[in-house]
């Protein structure tokens, strides 16, 4: 498990405090990127989906919202796993249930996002194929 630096007392309301908060958030993103294979895969798929939306002329807002849901849940899953590992270093059925349930939330969001993506992209792909004479 990666080690995080100690946080100093909150500096609420100051620019320095706000910047420090952003720094902590970037540390969390770096941790997820470096330690979570699934996060890296989901980011790659997100970039592919966003590129496809732009190429096909599909509204990117819907795609961005789906990306937001999946990546946010993956980050929450990563955070929950870290907390469970600290709270329950030994195997415990409830620790397993917490981790499995958080992973299930990511899975559900991913499956439903893929289904919505198909509903969004398939008509646009079919239209492009019609234009190029590949399908009647």
C-alpha atoms as a PDB file:
ATOM      1  CA  UNK A   1       0.000   0.000   0.000  1.00  0.00           C
ATOM      2  CA  UNK A   2       1.323   3.434  -0.885  1.00  0.00           C
ATOM      3  CA  UNK A   3       2.215   5.819   1.889  1.00  0.00           C
ATOM      4  CA  UNK A   4       0.641   9.233   1.976  1.00  0.00           C
ATOM      5  CA  UNK A   5       2.247  12.271   3.506  1.00  0.00           C
ATOM      6  CA  UNK A   6       0.662  13.687   6.612  1.00  0.00           C
ATOM      7  CA  UNK A   7      -1.787  16.481   6.002  1.00  0.00           C
ATOM      8  CA  UNK A   8      -1.285  19.709   7.816  1.00  0.00           C
ATOM      9  CA  UNK A   9      -4.130  21.506   9.570  1.00  0.00           C
ATOM     10  CA  UNK A  10      -6.810  22.662   7.135  1.00  0.00           C
ATOM     11  CA  UNK A  11      -6.387  26.174   5.811  1.00  0.00           C
ATOM     12  CA  UNK A  12     -10.042  26.683   4.958  1.00  0.00           C
ATOM     13  CA  UNK A  13     -10.987  29.777   3.069  1.00  0.00           C
ATOM     14  CA  UNK A  14      -7.524  30.681   1.836  1.00  0.00           C
ATOM     15  CA  UNK A  15      -6.097  30.264  -1.627  1.00  0.00           C
ATOM     16  CA  UNK A  16      -3.261  28.235  -0.122  1.00  0.00           C
ATOM     17  CA  UNK A  17      -5.757  25.884   1.522  1.00  0.00           C
ATOM     18  CA  UNK A  18      -7.724  25.453  -1.686  1.00  0.00           C
ATOM     19  CA  UNK A  19      -4.569  24.720  -3.661  1.00  0.00           C
ATOM     20  CA  UNK A  20      -3.499  22.229  -1.008  1.00  0.00           C
ATOM     21  CA  UNK A  21      -6.872  20.473  -1.358  1.00  0.00           C
ATOM     22  CA  UNK A  22      -6.393  20.222  -5.115  1.00  0.00           C
ATOM     23  CA  UNK A  23      -2.935  18.783  -4.465  1.00  0.00           C
ATOM     24  CA  UNK A  24      -4.415  16.053  -2.279  1.00  0.00           C
ATOM     25  CA  UNK A  25      -6.951  15.252  -4.987  1.00  0.00           C
ATOM     26  CA  UNK A  26      -4.168  14.945  -7.581  1.00  0.00           C
ATOM     27  CA  UNK A  27      -2.283  12.633  -5.196  1.00  0.00           C
ATOM     28  CA  UNK A  28      -5.402  10.450  -5.095  1.00  0.00           C
ATOM     29  CA  UNK A  29      -5.642  10.380  -8.889  1.00  0.00           C
ATOM     30  CA  UNK A  30      -1.946   9.506  -9.176  1.00  0.00           C
ATOM     31  CA  UNK A  31      -2.386   6.736  -6.604  1.00  0.00           C
ATOM     32  CA  UNK A  32      -5.353   5.293  -8.515  1.00  0.00           C
ATOM     33  CA  UNK A  33      -3.500   5.537 -11.834  1.00  0.00           C
ATOM     34  CA  UNK A  34      -0.384   3.841 -10.498  1.00  0.00           C
ATOM     35  CA  UNK A  35      -2.020   1.147  -8.397  1.00  0.00           C
ATOM     36  CA  UNK A  36      -5.313   0.296 -10.103  1.00  0.00           C
ATOM     37  CA  UNK A  37      -5.155  -1.548 -13.422  1.00  0.00           C
ATOM     38  CA  UNK A  38      -8.925  -1.245 -13.871  1.00  0.00           C
ATOM     39  CA  UNK A  39      -8.765   2.537 -13.477  1.00  0.00           C
ATOM     40  CA  UNK A  40      -6.186   2.744 -16.271  1.00  0.00           C
ATOM     41  CA  UNK A  41      -8.314   0.495 -18.497  1.00  0.00           C
ATOM     42  CA  UNK A  42     -11.422   2.589 -17.794  1.00  0.00           C
ATOM     43  CA  UNK A  43      -9.561   5.818 -18.605  1.00  0.00           C
ATOM     44  CA  UNK A  44      -8.414   4.308 -21.915  1.00  0.00           C
ATOM     45  CA  UNK A  45     -11.962   3.185 -22.738  1.00  0.00           C
ATOM     46  CA  UNK A  46     -13.229   6.640 -21.777  1.00  0.00           C
ATOM     47  CA  UNK A  47     -10.798   8.288 -24.203  1.00  0.00           C
ATOM     48  CA  UNK A  48     -11.869   5.879 -26.954  1.00  0.00           C
ATOM     49  CA  UNK A  49     -15.565   6.577 -26.275  1.00  0.00           C
ATOM     50  CA  UNK A  50     -15.027  10.344 -26.244  1.00  0.00           C
ATOM     51  CA  UNK A  51     -13.019  10.197 -29.477  1.00  0.00           C
ATOM     52  CA  UNK A  52     -15.706   8.041 -31.075  1.00  0.00           C
ATOM     53  CA  UNK A  53     -18.382  10.529 -29.988  1.00  0.00           C
ATOM     54  CA  UNK A  54     -16.488  13.401 -31.579  1.00  0.00           C
ATOM     55  CA  UNK A  55     -15.797  11.466 -34.805  1.00  0.00           C
ATOM     56  CA  UNK A  56     -19.406  10.295 -35.135  1.00  0.00           C
ATOM     57  CA  UNK A  57     -20.917  13.649 -34.216  1.00  0.00           C
ATOM     58  CA  UNK A  58     -22.616  12.259 -31.109  1.00  0.00           C
ATOM     59  CA  UNK A  59     -23.328  14.680 -28.269  1.00  0.00           C
ATOM     60  CA  UNK A  60     -20.256  14.321 -26.021  1.00  0.00           C
ATOM     61  CA  UNK A  61     -22.104  15.493 -22.895  1.00  0.00           C
ATOM     62  CA  UNK A  62     -23.875  12.156 -22.445  1.00  0.00           C
ATOM     63  CA  UNK A  63     -20.629  10.294 -22.989  1.00  0.00           C
ATOM     64  CA  UNK A  64     -18.825  12.538 -20.485  1.00  0.00           C
ATOM     65  CA  UNK A  65     -21.543  11.918 -17.897  1.00  0.00           C
ATOM     66  CA  UNK A  66     -21.217   8.155 -18.322  1.00  0.00           C
ATOM     67  CA  UNK A  67     -17.430   8.463 -18.014  1.00  0.00           C
ATOM     68  CA  UNK A  68     -17.877  10.573 -14.890  1.00  0.00           C
ATOM     69  CA  UNK A  69     -20.062   7.943 -13.233  1.00  0.00           C
ATOM     70  CA  UNK A  70     -17.759   5.003 -13.963  1.00  0.00           C
ATOM     71  CA  UNK A  71     -14.486   6.743 -13.063  1.00  0.00           C
ATOM     72  CA  UNK A  72     -15.936   8.301  -9.915  1.00  0.00           C
ATOM     73  CA  UNK A  73     -17.225   4.947  -8.711  1.00  0.00           C
ATOM     74  CA  UNK A  74     -13.845   3.363  -9.478  1.00  0.00           C
ATOM     75  CA  UNK A  75     -12.115   6.027  -7.377  1.00  0.00           C
ATOM     76  CA  UNK A  76     -14.601   5.498  -4.544  1.00  0.00           C
ATOM     77  CA  UNK A  77     -14.035   1.744  -4.786  1.00  0.00           C
ATOM     78  CA  UNK A  78     -10.275   2.288  -4.535  1.00  0.00           C
ATOM     79  CA  UNK A  79     -10.715   4.522  -1.482  1.00  0.00           C
ATOM     80  CA  UNK A  80     -13.054   2.055   0.204  1.00  0.00           C
ATOM     81  CA  UNK A  81     -10.655  -0.824  -0.408  1.00  0.00           C
ATOM     82  CA  UNK A  82      -7.830   1.147   1.202  1.00  0.00           C
ATOM     83  CA  UNK A  83      -9.940   1.988   4.252  1.00  0.00           C
ATOM     84  CA  UNK A  84     -11.105  -1.616   4.622  1.00  0.00           C
ATOM     85  CA  UNK A  85      -7.506  -2.845   4.367  1.00  0.00           C
ATOM     86  CA  UNK A  86      -6.517  -0.505   7.204  1.00  0.00           C
ATOM     87  CA  UNK A  87      -9.553  -1.278   9.361  1.00  0.00           C
ATOM     88  CA  UNK A  88      -9.475  -5.034   8.817  1.00  0.00           C
ATOM     89  CA  UNK A  89      -5.970  -6.282   7.991  1.00  0.00           C
ATOM     90  CA  UNK A  90      -7.097  -9.851   8.715  1.00  0.00           C
ATOM     91  CA  UNK A  91      -9.650 -11.599   6.540  1.00  0.00           C
ATOM     92  CA  UNK A  92     -13.167 -10.815   7.689  1.00  0.00           C
ATOM     93  CA  UNK A  93     -16.435 -11.673   5.892  1.00  0.00           C
ATOM     94  CA  UNK A  94     -17.785  -8.133   6.304  1.00  0.00           C
ATOM     95  CA  UNK A  95     -14.591  -6.624   4.902  1.00  0.00           C
ATOM     96  CA  UNK A  96     -14.950  -8.916   1.891  1.00  0.00           C
ATOM     97  CA  UNK A  97     -18.618  -7.963   1.535  1.00  0.00           C
ATOM     98  CA  UNK A  98     -17.754  -4.247   1.604  1.00  0.00           C
ATOM     99  CA  UNK A  99     -15.086  -4.639  -1.072  1.00  0.00           C
ATOM    100  CA  UNK A 100     -17.223  -6.900  -3.240  1.00  0.00           C
ATOM    101  CA  UNK A 101     -20.215  -4.566  -3.022  1.00  0.00           C
ATOM    102  CA  UNK A 102     -18.145  -1.529  -3.979  1.00  0.00           C
ATOM    103  CA  UNK A 103     -16.720  -3.471  -6.926  1.00  0.00           C
ATOM    104  CA  UNK A 104     -20.275  -4.485  -7.897  1.00  0.00           C
ATOM    105  CA  UNK A 105     -21.249  -0.793  -8.057  1.00  0.00           C
ATOM    106  CA  UNK A 106     -18.451  -0.185 -10.562  1.00  0.00           C
ATOM    107  CA  UNK A 107     -19.477  -3.264 -12.540  1.00  0.00           C
ATOM    108  CA  UNK A 108     -23.130  -2.175 -12.698  1.00  0.00           C
ATOM    109  CA  UNK A 109     -22.182   1.326 -13.809  1.00  0.00           C
ATOM    110  CA  UNK A 110     -19.817  -0.080 -16.433  1.00  0.00           C
ATOM    111  CA  UNK A 111     -22.389  -2.499 -17.852  1.00  0.00           C
ATOM    112  CA  UNK A 112     -25.137   0.094 -17.980  1.00  0.00           C
ATOM    113  CA  UNK A 113     -22.765   2.680 -19.464  1.00  0.00           C
ATOM    114  CA  UNK A 114     -21.810   0.191 -22.183  1.00  0.00           C
ATOM    115  CA  UNK A 115     -25.487  -0.483 -22.923  1.00  0.00           C
ATOM    116  CA  UNK A 116     -26.263   3.239 -23.102  1.00  0.00           C
ATOM    117  CA  UNK A 117     -23.154   3.688 -25.241  1.00  0.00           C
ATOM    118  CA  UNK A 118     -24.465   1.127 -27.707  1.00  0.00           C
ATOM    119  CA  UNK A 119     -27.788   2.943 -27.896  1.00  0.00           C
ATOM    120  CA  UNK A 120     -25.938   6.179 -28.582  1.00  0.00           C
ATOM    121  CA  UNK A 121     -23.244   4.929 -30.945  1.00  0.00           C
ATOM    122  CA  UNK A 122     -24.919   2.208 -33.024  1.00  0.00           C
ATOM    123  CA  UNK A 123     -27.321   4.543 -34.879  1.00  0.00           C
ATOM    124  CA  UNK A 124     -24.476   6.966 -35.604  1.00  0.00           C
ATOM    125  CA  UNK A 125     -22.241   4.134 -36.830  1.00  0.00           C
ATOM    126  CA  UNK A 126     -25.049   2.752 -39.019  1.00  0.00           C
ATOM    127  CA  UNK A 127     -25.600   6.217 -40.506  1.00  0.00           C
ATOM    128  CA  UNK A 128     -21.895   6.587 -41.335  1.00  0.00           C
ATOM    129  CA  UNK A 129     -21.887   3.146 -42.972  1.00  0.00           C
ATOM    130  CA  UNK A 130     -24.937   4.112 -45.060  1.00  0.00           C
ATOM    131  CA  UNK A 131     -23.207   7.286 -46.204  1.00  0.00           C
ATOM    132  CA  UNK A 132     -20.157   5.319 -47.348  1.00  0.00           C
ATOM    133  CA  UNK A 133     -22.309   2.668 -49.032  1.00  0.00           C
ATOM    134  CA  UNK A 134     -21.237  -0.150 -46.745  1.00  0.00           C
ATOM    135  CA  UNK A 135     -24.825  -0.995 -45.716  1.00  0.00           C
ATOM    136  CA  UNK A 136     -28.097  -0.314 -47.553  1.00  0.00           C
END
